[in-house]
Structure formats: structure tokens, C-alpha cells
Amino acid sequence: MEALREEDVLRLEEEILQKLEERLTPIMHQVALDTAKTVMHELRLDILSHLSRHEDSISRLRKSEAAVNQIRRTP
């Protein structure tokens, strides 16, 4: 009798775990997808910010170069 109860408990536990897995798998998939999208968006913003700083530096260097060239051309 006790062995039957233990088998029933194990079967019920297995069924519960299976149902939880069926419910949680799509949720975890969506969470992973949302997290990946958020990280990629943050990475994109970081890269754009980084590029913008370099573009500002390049612009300043070009202006400096133009100024130096203007000074050299002035008699």
C-alpha cells in the first residue's frame, strides 16, 4: 500500500513538473528574447555615442588642419 502511494506521489510530481515546464518554457523564451533585444538596443546606443565622439574629434581635427593650412598660406 505504501509503495503504491509513493508511486502515485512520484507520478503526480512528474505531472506537476511537466505542466510547470510547459508553462514556463514559453515565458522563459520570451524573457530571453526581450533581454536580448534590450541588450542589443543598449549596445547600439553605446556604439552610436562612441562614433559620435569620434566624429566630433575628426571634425575638430579637420578645422585645426584647415586653420594651420590657412596660416601657412598667409604671407
PDB file of N, CA and C in Angstrom:
ATOM      1  N   MET A   1       0.819  -1.198   0.000  1.00  0.00           N
ATOM      2  CA  MET A   1       0.000   0.000   0.000  1.00  0.00           C
ATOM      3  C   MET A   1       0.866   1.266   0.000  1.00  0.00           C
ATOM      4  N   GLU A   2       1.896   1.228   0.852  1.00  0.00           N
ATOM      5  CA  GLU A   2       2.782   2.384   0.929  1.00  0.00           C
ATOM      6  C   GLU A   2       3.549   2.584  -0.373  1.00  0.00           C
ATOM      7  N   ALA A   3       3.951   1.500  -1.025  1.00  0.00           N
ATOM      8  CA  ALA A   3       4.664   1.578  -2.299  1.00  0.00           C
ATOM      9  C   ALA A   3       3.775   2.202  -3.364  1.00  0.00           C
ATOM     10  N   LEU A   4       2.506   1.875  -3.339  1.00  0.00           N
ATOM     11  CA  LEU A   4       1.560   2.449  -4.299  1.00  0.00           C
ATOM     12  C   LEU A   4       1.447   3.952  -4.082  1.00  0.00           C
ATOM     13  N   ARG A   5       1.397   4.370  -2.845  1.00  0.00           N
ATOM     14  CA  ARG A   5       1.318   5.801  -2.556  1.00  0.00           C
ATOM     15  C   ARG A   5       2.575   6.518  -3.038  1.00  0.00           C
ATOM     16  N   GLU A   6       3.709   5.904  -2.811  1.00  0.00           N
ATOM     17  CA  GLU A   6       4.962   6.514  -3.242  1.00  0.00           C
ATOM     18  C   GLU A   6       4.993   6.635  -4.764  1.00  0.00           C
ATOM     19  N   GLU A   7       4.533   5.604  -5.460  1.00  0.00           N
ATOM     20  CA  GLU A   7       4.459   5.661  -6.918  1.00  0.00           C
ATOM     21  C   GLU A   7       3.494   6.753  -7.368  1.00  0.00           C
ATOM     22  N   ASP A   8       2.351   6.871  -6.685  1.00  0.00           N
ATOM     23  CA  ASP A   8       1.387   7.927  -7.023  1.00  0.00           C
ATOM     24  C   ASP A   8       1.983   9.315  -6.809  1.00  0.00           C
ATOM     25  N   VAL A   9       2.689   9.471  -5.696  1.00  0.00           N
ATOM     26  CA  VAL A   9       3.323  10.761  -5.403  1.00  0.00           C
ATOM     27  C   VAL A   9       4.355  11.088  -6.473  1.00  0.00           C
ATOM     28  N   LEU A  10       5.164  10.122  -6.835  1.00  0.00           N
ATOM     29  CA  LEU A  10       6.171  10.343  -7.866  1.00  0.00           C
ATOM     30  C   LEU A  10       5.529  10.685  -9.207  1.00  0.00           C
ATOM     31  N   ARG A  11       4.459   9.999  -9.535  1.00  0.00           N
ATOM     32  CA  ARG A  11       3.753  10.276 -10.794  1.00  0.00           C
ATOM     33  C   ARG A  11       3.159  11.678 -10.780  1.00  0.00           C
ATOM     34  N   LEU A  12       2.541  12.042  -9.657  1.00  0.00           N
ATOM     35  CA  LEU A  12       1.964  13.386  -9.540  1.00  0.00           C
ATOM     36  C   LEU A  12       3.040  14.465  -9.610  1.00  0.00           C
ATOM     37  N   GLU A  13       4.160  14.210  -8.938  1.00  0.00           N
ATOM     38  CA  GLU A  13       5.271  15.161  -9.015  1.00  0.00           C
ATOM     39  C   GLU A  13       5.741  15.328 -10.454  1.00  0.00           C
ATOM     40  N   GLU A  14       5.841  14.225 -11.144  1.00  0.00           N
ATOM     41  CA  GLU A  14       6.284  14.271 -12.540  1.00  0.00           C
ATOM     42  C   GLU A  14       5.290  15.053 -13.401  1.00  0.00           C
ATOM     43  N   GLU A  15       4.007  14.831 -13.186  1.00  0.00           N
ATOM     44  CA  GLU A  15       2.980  15.565 -13.935  1.00  0.00           C
ATOM     45  C   GLU A  15       3.045  17.052 -13.636  1.00  0.00           C
ATOM     46  N   ILE A  16       3.218  17.382 -12.365  1.00  0.00           N
ATOM     47  CA  ILE A  16       3.310  18.798 -11.979  1.00  0.00           C
ATOM     48  C   ILE A  16       4.525  19.444 -12.618  1.00  0.00           C
ATOM     49  N   LEU A  17       5.656  18.767 -12.566  1.00  0.00           N
ATOM     50  CA  LEU A  17       6.870  19.297 -13.179  1.00  0.00           C
ATOM     51  C   LEU A  17       6.702  19.478 -14.688  1.00  0.00           C
ATOM     52  N   GLN A  18       6.055  18.521 -15.324  1.00  0.00           N
ATOM     53  CA  GLN A  18       5.814  18.611 -16.769  1.00  0.00           C
ATOM     54  C   GLN A  18       4.942  19.821 -17.099  1.00  0.00           C
ATOM     55  N   LYS A  19       3.883  20.036 -16.305  1.00  0.00           N
ATOM     56  CA  LYS A  19       2.997  21.183 -16.541  1.00  0.00           C
ATOM     57  C   LYS A  19       3.721  22.500 -16.304  1.00  0.00           C
ATOM     58  N   LEU A  20       4.531  22.544 -15.251  1.00  0.00           N
ATOM     59  CA  LEU A  20       5.304  23.757 -14.986  1.00  0.00           C
ATOM     60  C   LEU A  20       6.273  24.050 -16.125  1.00  0.00           C
ATOM     61  N   GLU A  21       6.916  23.003 -16.601  1.00  0.00           N
ATOM     62  CA  GLU A  21       7.847  23.175 -17.707  1.00  0.00           C
ATOM     63  C   GLU A  21       7.127  23.678 -18.961  1.00  0.00           C
ATOM     64  N   GLU A  22       5.959  23.120 -19.238  1.00  0.00           N
ATOM     65  CA  GLU A  22       5.183  23.546 -20.404  1.00  0.00           C
ATOM     66  C   GLU A  22       4.772  25.012 -20.292  1.00  0.00           C
ATOM     67  N   ARG A  23       4.467  25.453 -19.081  1.00  0.00           N
ATOM     68  CA  ARG A  23       4.065  26.852 -18.884  1.00  0.00           C
ATOM     69  C   ARG A  23       5.260  27.800 -18.878  1.00  0.00           C
ATOM     70  N   LEU A  24       6.346  27.359 -18.260  1.00  0.00           N
ATOM     71  CA  LEU A  24       7.491  28.244 -18.095  1.00  0.00           C
ATOM     72  C   LEU A  24       8.366  28.365 -19.333  1.00  0.00           C
ATOM     73  N   THR A  25       8.428  27.337 -20.147  1.00  0.00           N
ATOM     74  CA  THR A  25       9.304  27.369 -21.311  1.00  0.00           C
ATOM     75  C   THR A  25       8.990  28.544 -22.243  1.00  0.00           C
ATOM     76  N   PRO A  26       7.728  28.770 -22.626  1.00  0.00           N
ATOM     77  CA  PRO A  26       7.464  29.928 -23.495  1.00  0.00           C
ATOM     78  C   PRO A  26       7.737  31.262 -22.784  1.00  0.00           C
ATOM     79  N   ILE A  27       7.487  31.298 -21.486  1.00  0.00           N
ATOM     80  CA  ILE A  27       7.750  32.527 -20.730  1.00  0.00           C
ATOM     81  C   ILE A  27       9.248  32.814 -20.706  1.00  0.00           C
ATOM     82  N   MET A  28      10.039  31.788 -20.418  1.00  0.00           N
ATOM     83  CA  MET A  28      11.486  31.965 -20.380  1.00  0.00           C
ATOM     84  C   MET A  28      12.037  32.317 -21.756  1.00  0.00           C
ATOM     85  N   HIS A  29      11.462  31.736 -22.787  1.00  0.00           N
ATOM     86  CA  HIS A  29      11.866  32.076 -24.150  1.00  0.00           C
ATOM     87  C   HIS A  29      11.609  33.554 -24.417  1.00  0.00           C
ATOM     88  N   GLN A  30      10.441  34.038 -24.030  1.00  0.00           N
ATOM     89  CA  GLN A  30      10.098  35.446 -24.248  1.00  0.00           C
ATOM     90  C   GLN A  30      10.995  36.358 -23.421  1.00  0.00           C
ATOM     91  N   VAL A  31      11.275  35.969 -22.190  1.00  0.00           N
ATOM     92  CA  VAL A  31      12.162  36.765 -21.335  1.00  0.00           C
ATOM     93  C   VAL A  31      13.548  36.861 -21.961  1.00  0.00           C
ATOM     94  N   ALA A  32      14.056  35.738 -22.450  1.00  0.00           N
ATOM     95  CA  ALA A  32      15.375  35.733 -23.092  1.00  0.00           C
ATOM     96  C   ALA A  32      15.374  36.619 -24.331  1.00  0.00           C
ATOM     97  N   LEU A  33      14.314  36.544 -25.108  1.00  0.00           N
ATOM     98  CA  LEU A  33      14.201  37.362 -26.313  1.00  0.00           C
ATOM     99  C   LEU A  33      14.139  38.847 -25.967  1.00  0.00           C
ATOM    100  N   ASP A  34      13.323  39.198 -24.985  1.00  0.00           N
ATOM    101  CA  ASP A  34      13.208  40.597 -24.564  1.00  0.00           C
ATOM    102  C   ASP A  34      14.533  41.123 -24.022  1.00  0.00           C
ATOM    103  N   THR A  35      15.225  40.290 -23.255  1.00  0.00           N
ATOM    104  CA  THR A  35      16.515  40.686 -22.698  1.00  0.00           C
ATOM    105  C   THR A  35      17.532  40.909 -23.811  1.00  0.00           C
ATOM    106  N   ALA A  36      17.553  40.019 -24.773  1.00  0.00           N
ATOM    107  CA  ALA A  36      18.483  40.161 -25.899  1.00  0.00           C
ATOM    108  C   ALA A  36      18.188  41.438 -26.687  1.00  0.00           C
ATOM    109  N   LYS A  37      16.916  41.740 -26.899  1.00  0.00           N
ATOM    110  CA  LYS A  37      16.559  42.964 -27.618  1.00  0.00           C
ATOM    111  C   LYS A  37      17.004  44.196 -26.848  1.00  0.00           C
ATOM    112  N   THR A  38      16.822  44.182 -25.534  1.00  0.00           N
ATOM    113  CA  THR A  38      17.220  45.316 -24.697  1.00  0.00           C
ATOM    114  C   THR A  38      18.734  45.508 -24.733  1.00  0.00           C
ATOM    115  N   VAL A  39      19.464  44.410 -24.607  1.00  0.00           N
ATOM    116  CA  VAL A  39      20.926  44.492 -24.633  1.00  0.00           C
ATOM    117  C   VAL A  39      21.412  44.997 -25.989  1.00  0.00           C
ATOM    118  N   MET A  40      20.834  44.493 -27.063  1.00  0.00           N
ATOM    119  CA  MET A  40      21.236  44.943 -28.399  1.00  0.00           C
ATOM    120  C   MET A  40      20.929  46.427 -28.596  1.00  0.00           C
ATOM    121  N   HIS A  41      19.800  46.882 -28.075  1.00  0.00           N
ATOM    122  CA  HIS A  41      19.450  48.305 -28.189  1.00  0.00           C
ATOM    123  C   HIS A  41      20.457  49.163 -27.411  1.00  0.00           C
ATOM    124  N   GLU A  42      20.801  48.739 -26.199  1.00  0.00           N
ATOM    125  CA  GLU A  42      21.778  49.478 -25.400  1.00  0.00           C
ATOM    126  C   GLU A  42      23.142  49.482 -26.080  1.00  0.00           C
ATOM    127  N   LEU A  43      23.525  48.352 -26.656  1.00  0.00           N
ATOM    128  CA  LEU A  43      24.793  48.272 -27.375  1.00  0.00           C
ATOM    129  C   LEU A  43      24.797  49.219 -28.574  1.00  0.00           C
ATOM    130  N   ARG A  44      23.692  49.248 -29.284  1.00  0.00           N
ATOM    131  CA  ARG A  44      23.578  50.141 -30.446  1.00  0.00           C
ATOM    132  C   ARG A  44      23.729  51.596 -30.014  1.00  0.00           C
ATOM    133  N   LEU A  45      23.071  51.969 -28.911  1.00  0.00           N
ATOM    134  CA  LEU A  45      23.177  53.342 -28.414  1.00  0.00           C
ATOM    135  C   LEU A  45      24.614  53.662 -27.988  1.00  0.00           C
ATOM    136  N   ASP A  46      25.276  52.706 -27.341  1.00  0.00           N
ATOM    137  CA  ASP A  46      26.666  52.909 -26.930  1.00  0.00           C
ATOM    138  C   ASP A  46      27.572  53.098 -28.142  1.00  0.00           C
ATOM    139  N   ILE A  47      27.374  52.282 -29.161  1.00  0.00           N
ATOM    140  CA  ILE A  47      28.197  52.383 -30.370  1.00  0.00           C
ATOM    141  C   ILE A  47      27.962  53.726 -31.061  1.00  0.00           C
ATOM    142  N   LEU A  48      26.703  54.130 -31.168  1.00  0.00           N
ATOM    143  CA  LEU A  48      26.404  55.417 -31.801  1.00  0.00           C
ATOM    144  C   LEU A  48      27.016  56.576 -31.027  1.00  0.00           C
ATOM    145  N   SER A  49      26.959  56.500 -29.715  1.00  0.00           N
ATOM    146  CA  SER A  49      27.562  57.530 -28.878  1.00  0.00           C
ATOM    147  C   SER A  49      29.071  57.566 -29.086  1.00  0.00           C
ATOM    148  N   HIS A  50      29.673  56.403 -29.134  1.00  0.00           N
ATOM    149  CA  HIS A  50      31.117  56.306 -29.349  1.00  0.00           C
ATOM    150  C   HIS A  50      31.497  56.884 -30.713  1.00  0.00           C
ATOM    151  N   LEU A  51      30.754  56.521 -31.735  1.00  0.00           N
ATOM    152  CA  LEU A  51      31.024  57.043 -33.081  1.00  0.00           C
ATOM    153  C   LEU A  51      30.846  58.551 -33.132  1.00  0.00           C
ATOM    154  N   SER A  52      29.842  59.042 -32.433  1.00  0.00           N
ATOM    155  CA  SER A  52      29.590  60.479 -32.412  1.00  0.00           C
ATOM    156  C   SER A  52      30.779  61.223 -31.808  1.00  0.00           C
ATOM    157  N   ARG A  53      31.348  60.677 -30.723  1.00  0.00           N
ATOM    158  CA  ARG A  53      32.524  61.320 -30.115  1.00  0.00           C
ATOM    159  C   ARG A  53      33.688  61.339 -31.104  1.00  0.00           C
ATOM    160  N   HIS A  54      33.870  60.247 -31.840  1.00  0.00           N
ATOM    161  CA  HIS A  54      34.950  60.215 -32.828  1.00  0.00           C
ATOM    162  C   HIS A  54      34.683  61.192 -33.961  1.00  0.00           C
ATOM    163  N   GLU A  55      33.437  61.305 -34.381  1.00  0.00           N
ATOM    164  CA  GLU A  55      33.105  62.266 -35.437  1.00  0.00           C
ATOM    165  C   GLU A  55      33.388  63.689 -34.975  1.00  0.00           C
ATOM    166  N   ASP A  56      33.102  63.981 -33.711  1.00  0.00           N
ATOM    167  CA  ASP A  56      33.410  65.311 -33.168  1.00  0.00           C
ATOM    168  C   ASP A  56      34.917  65.553 -33.172  1.00  0.00           C
ATOM    169  N   SER A  57      35.682  64.545 -32.787  1.00  0.00           N
ATOM    170  CA  SER A  57      37.147  64.676 -32.785  1.00  0.00           C
ATOM    171  C   SER A  57      37.673  64.879 -34.204  1.00  0.00           C
ATOM    172  N   ILE A  58      37.150  64.118 -35.142  1.00  0.00           N
ATOM    173  CA  ILE A  58      37.570  64.249 -36.541  1.00  0.00           C
ATOM    174  C   ILE A  58      37.228  65.636 -37.063  1.00  0.00           C
ATOM    175  N   SER A  59      36.059  66.133 -36.738  1.00  0.00           N
ATOM    176  CA  SER A  59      35.650  67.472 -37.173  1.00  0.00           C
ATOM    177  C   SER A  59      36.586  68.538 -36.611  1.00  0.00           C
ATOM    178  N   ARG A  60      36.922  68.432 -35.328  1.00  0.00           N
ATOM    179  CA  ARG A  60      37.838  69.404 -34.715  1.00  0.00           C
ATOM    180  C   ARG A  60      39.223  69.331 -35.364  1.00  0.00           C
ATOM    181  N   LEU A  61      39.680  68.109 -35.646  1.00  0.00           N
ATOM    182  CA  LEU A  61      40.981  67.962 -36.299  1.00  0.00           C
ATOM    183  C   LEU A  61      40.983  68.575 -37.702  1.00  0.00           C
ATOM    184  N   ARG A  62      39.899  68.393 -38.437  1.00  0.00           N
ATOM    185  CA  ARG A  62      39.813  68.980 -39.784  1.00  0.00           C
ATOM    186  C   ARG A  62      39.822  70.503 -39.715  1.00  0.00           C
ATOM    187  N   LYS A  63      39.110  71.059 -38.730  1.00  0.00           N
ATOM    188  CA  LYS A  63      39.097  72.511 -38.568  1.00  0.00           C
ATOM    189  C   LYS A  63      40.484  73.017 -38.189  1.00  0.00           C
ATOM    190  N   SER A  64      41.152  72.274 -37.303  1.00  0.00           N
ATOM    191  CA  SER A  64      42.517  72.665 -36.912  1.00  0.00           C
ATOM    192  C   SER A  64      43.453  72.597 -38.103  1.00  0.00           C
ATOM    193  N   GLU A  65      43.327  71.542 -38.889  1.00  0.00           N
ATOM    194  CA  GLU A  65      44.174  71.385 -40.075  1.00  0.00           C
ATOM    195  C   GLU A  65      43.923  72.516 -41.061  1.00  0.00           C
ATOM    196  N   ALA A  66      42.650  72.882 -41.243  1.00  0.00           N
ATOM    197  CA  ALA A  66      42.319  73.976 -42.151  1.00  0.00           C
ATOM    198  C   ALA A  66      42.908  75.285 -41.636  1.00  0.00           C
ATOM    199  N   ALA A  67      42.873  75.489 -40.329  1.00  0.00           N
ATOM    200  CA  ALA A  67      43.419  76.705 -39.746  1.00  0.00           C
ATOM    201  C   ALA A  67      44.944  76.754 -39.935  1.00  0.00           C
ATOM    202  N   VAL A  68      45.608  75.622 -39.714  1.00  0.00           N
ATOM    203  CA  VAL A  68      47.052  75.563 -39.895  1.00  0.00           C
ATOM    204  C   VAL A  68      47.394  75.827 -41.346  1.00  0.00           C
ATOM    205  N   ASN A  69      46.655  75.237 -42.270  1.00  0.00           N
ATOM    206  CA  ASN A  69      46.912  75.462 -43.698  1.00  0.00           C
ATOM    207  C   ASN A  69      46.683  76.926 -44.062  1.00  0.00           C
ATOM    208  N   GLN A  70      45.711  77.558 -43.473  1.00  0.00           N
ATOM    209  CA  GLN A  70      45.428  78.972 -43.743  1.00  0.00           C
ATOM    210  C   GLN A  70      46.577  79.836 -43.245  1.00  0.00           C
ATOM    211  N   ILE A  71      47.106  79.489 -42.075  1.00  0.00           N
ATOM    212  CA  ILE A  71      48.231  80.258 -41.533  1.00  0.00           C
ATOM    213  C   ILE A  71      49.451  80.097 -42.423  1.00  0.00           C
ATOM    214  N   ARG A  72      49.689  78.894 -42.906  1.00  0.00           N
ATOM    215  CA  ARG A  72      50.860  78.650 -43.768  1.00  0.00           C
ATOM    216  C   ARG A  72      50.738  79.411 -45.088  1.00  0.00           C
ATOM    217  N   ARG A  73      49.541  79.593 -45.593  1.00  0.00           N
ATOM    218  CA  ARG A  73      49.343  80.288 -46.878  1.00  0.00           C
ATOM    219  C   ARG A  73      49.432  81.799 -46.733  1.00  0.00           C
ATOM    220  N   THR A  74      49.227  82.282 -45.537  1.00  0.00           N
ATOM    221  CA  THR A  74      49.255  83.746 -45.322  1.00  0.00           C
ATOM    222  C   THR A  74      50.710  84.211 -45.339  1.00  0.00           C
ATOM    223  N   PRO A  75      51.011  85.242 -46.200  1.00  0.00           N
ATOM    224  CA  PRO A  75      52.402  85.727 -46.307  1.00  0.00           C
ATOM    225  C   PRO A  75      52.839  86.531 -45.102  1.00  0.00           C
TER     226      PRO A  75
END
